[in-house]
């Protein structure tokens, strides 16, 4: 999170913490929804032996 805030600090020092926190939340919610979906599909295919 520090790196994200630092990048925003270079762009806009006044609102770096706000934009950094919002960017972090956006990334974390996106990854939380996208990664488990693919993982569950892979586990289902592996258990049914339907993999390449």
N, C-alpha and C. Protein backbone atom coordinates (compact mmCIF):
# COMPACT_ATOMS: atom_id res chain seq x y z
N UNK A 1 0.83 -1.18 0.00
CA UNK A 1 0.00 0.00 0.00
C UNK A 1 0.87 1.25 0.00
N UNK A 2 2.02 1.14 0.64
CA UNK A 2 2.93 2.28 0.68
C UNK A 2 3.42 2.69 -0.69
N UNK A 3 3.64 1.70 -1.54
CA UNK A 3 4.10 1.99 -2.91
C UNK A 3 3.01 2.72 -3.68
N UNK A 4 1.78 2.29 -3.51
CA UNK A 4 0.66 2.95 -4.20
C UNK A 4 0.53 4.40 -3.74
N UNK A 5 0.62 4.61 -2.44
CA UNK A 5 0.53 5.98 -1.91
C UNK A 5 1.70 6.81 -2.40
N UNK A 6 2.89 6.22 -2.47
CA UNK A 6 4.06 6.96 -2.96
C UNK A 6 3.88 7.37 -4.41
N UNK A 7 3.35 6.48 -5.23
CA UNK A 7 3.11 6.81 -6.64
C UNK A 7 2.11 7.96 -6.75
N UNK A 8 1.05 7.90 -5.95
CA UNK A 8 0.08 8.99 -5.96
C UNK A 8 0.69 10.27 -5.40
N UNK A 9 1.63 10.15 -4.46
CA UNK A 9 2.30 11.33 -3.91
C UNK A 9 3.10 12.04 -4.99
N UNK A 10 3.71 11.27 -5.88
CA UNK A 10 4.46 11.87 -6.98
C UNK A 10 3.53 12.60 -7.95
N UNK A 11 2.33 12.08 -8.11
CA UNK A 11 1.37 12.68 -9.05
C UNK A 11 0.62 13.85 -8.42
N UNK A 12 0.09 13.63 -7.21
CA UNK A 12 -0.74 14.64 -6.55
C UNK A 12 -0.49 14.57 -5.04
N UNK A 13 0.47 15.33 -4.52
CA UNK A 13 0.85 15.23 -3.11
C UNK A 13 -0.27 15.57 -2.12
N UNK A 14 -1.21 16.42 -2.50
CA UNK A 14 -2.24 16.84 -1.56
C UNK A 14 -3.22 15.72 -1.22
N UNK A 15 -3.54 14.90 -2.19
CA UNK A 15 -4.55 13.85 -1.99
C UNK A 15 -3.97 12.46 -2.19
N UNK A 16 -2.69 12.30 -1.93
CA UNK A 16 -2.03 11.02 -2.18
C UNK A 16 -2.59 9.92 -1.30
N UNK A 17 -2.82 10.21 -0.02
CA UNK A 17 -3.32 9.16 0.88
C UNK A 17 -4.72 8.71 0.49
N UNK A 18 -5.58 9.65 0.14
CA UNK A 18 -6.94 9.31 -0.27
C UNK A 18 -6.95 8.47 -1.54
N UNK A 19 -6.24 8.93 -2.56
CA UNK A 19 -6.20 8.19 -3.82
C UNK A 19 -5.50 6.85 -3.67
N UNK A 20 -4.47 6.80 -2.85
CA UNK A 20 -3.77 5.54 -2.61
C UNK A 20 -4.67 4.52 -1.94
N UNK A 21 -5.43 4.96 -0.94
CA UNK A 21 -6.35 4.06 -0.25
C UNK A 21 -7.46 3.58 -1.18
N UNK A 22 -7.98 4.48 -2.00
CA UNK A 22 -9.04 4.10 -2.93
C UNK A 22 -8.51 3.11 -3.98
N UNK A 23 -7.30 3.34 -4.47
CA UNK A 23 -6.70 2.43 -5.44
C UNK A 23 -6.48 1.06 -4.82
N UNK A 24 -5.99 1.03 -3.58
CA UNK A 24 -5.76 -0.23 -2.89
C UNK A 24 -7.07 -1.00 -2.71
N UNK A 25 -8.13 -0.31 -2.31
CA UNK A 25 -9.43 -0.98 -2.15
C UNK A 25 -9.95 -1.52 -3.48
N UNK A 26 -9.80 -0.75 -4.54
CA UNK A 26 -10.24 -1.20 -5.85
C UNK A 26 -9.49 -2.46 -6.28
N UNK A 27 -8.18 -2.46 -6.10
CA UNK A 27 -7.38 -3.63 -6.48
C UNK A 27 -7.74 -4.83 -5.62
N UNK A 28 -7.88 -4.62 -4.31
CA UNK A 28 -8.16 -5.76 -3.43
C UNK A 28 -9.53 -6.36 -3.69
N UNK A 29 -10.56 -5.54 -3.90
CA UNK A 29 -11.88 -6.09 -4.20
C UNK A 29 -11.89 -6.78 -5.57
N UNK A 30 -11.20 -6.22 -6.54
CA UNK A 30 -11.15 -6.85 -7.86
C UNK A 30 -10.48 -8.21 -7.80
N UNK A 31 -9.35 -8.29 -7.13
CA UNK A 31 -8.64 -9.56 -7.03
C UNK A 31 -9.42 -10.57 -6.19
N UNK A 32 -10.11 -10.10 -5.18
CA UNK A 32 -10.89 -11.01 -4.34
C UNK A 32 -12.02 -11.65 -5.13
N UNK A 33 -12.55 -10.96 -6.11
CA UNK A 33 -13.65 -11.51 -6.91
C UNK A 33 -13.17 -12.29 -8.12
N UNK A 34 -12.05 -11.94 -8.70
CA UNK A 34 -11.60 -12.58 -9.93
C UNK A 34 -10.81 -13.86 -9.70
N UNK A 35 -9.88 -13.85 -8.77
CA UNK A 35 -9.00 -15.00 -8.59
C UNK A 35 -9.74 -16.23 -8.07
N UNK A 36 -10.58 -16.14 -7.04
CA UNK A 36 -11.25 -17.35 -6.57
C UNK A 36 -12.16 -18.00 -7.62
N UNK A 37 -12.73 -17.20 -8.51
CA UNK A 37 -13.60 -17.75 -9.55
C UNK A 37 -12.82 -18.69 -10.45
N UNK A 38 -11.67 -18.26 -10.93
CA UNK A 38 -10.85 -19.11 -11.78
C UNK A 38 -10.31 -20.31 -11.01
N UNK A 39 -9.97 -20.10 -9.76
CA UNK A 39 -9.45 -21.18 -8.94
C UNK A 39 -10.51 -22.26 -8.72
N UNK A 40 -11.74 -21.85 -8.43
CA UNK A 40 -12.82 -22.83 -8.23
C UNK A 40 -13.08 -23.62 -9.51
N UNK A 41 -13.05 -22.95 -10.65
CA UNK A 41 -13.25 -23.66 -11.92
C UNK A 41 -12.13 -24.67 -12.16
N UNK A 42 -10.91 -24.30 -11.84
CA UNK A 42 -9.79 -25.22 -12.00
C UNK A 42 -9.90 -26.41 -11.08
N UNK A 43 -10.31 -26.20 -9.84
CA UNK A 43 -10.47 -27.30 -8.90
C UNK A 43 -11.58 -28.24 -9.36
N UNK A 44 -12.69 -27.70 -9.86
CA UNK A 44 -13.78 -28.54 -10.36
C UNK A 44 -13.31 -29.41 -11.53
N UNK A 45 -12.57 -28.81 -12.46
CA UNK A 45 -12.08 -29.57 -13.61
C UNK A 45 -11.06 -30.62 -13.17
N UNK A 46 -10.25 -30.28 -12.20
CA UNK A 46 -9.25 -31.23 -11.72
C UNK A 46 -9.92 -32.41 -11.02
N UNK A 47 -10.92 -32.14 -10.22
CA UNK A 47 -11.61 -33.22 -9.50
C UNK A 47 -12.41 -34.12 -10.44
N UNK A 48 -12.94 -33.56 -11.52
CA UNK A 48 -13.69 -34.37 -12.48
C UNK A 48 -12.77 -34.93 -13.56
N UNK A 49 -11.48 -34.71 -13.43
CA UNK A 49 -10.45 -35.16 -14.38
C UNK A 49 -10.76 -34.66 -15.79
N UNK A 50 -11.25 -33.44 -15.87
CA UNK A 50 -11.57 -32.81 -17.15
C UNK A 50 -10.56 -31.69 -17.40
N UNK A 51 -9.30 -32.05 -17.48
CA UNK A 51 -8.25 -31.05 -17.67
C UNK A 51 -7.36 -31.48 -18.83
N UNK A 52 -6.60 -30.54 -19.33
CA UNK A 52 -5.72 -30.82 -20.47
C UNK A 52 -4.32 -31.10 -20.01
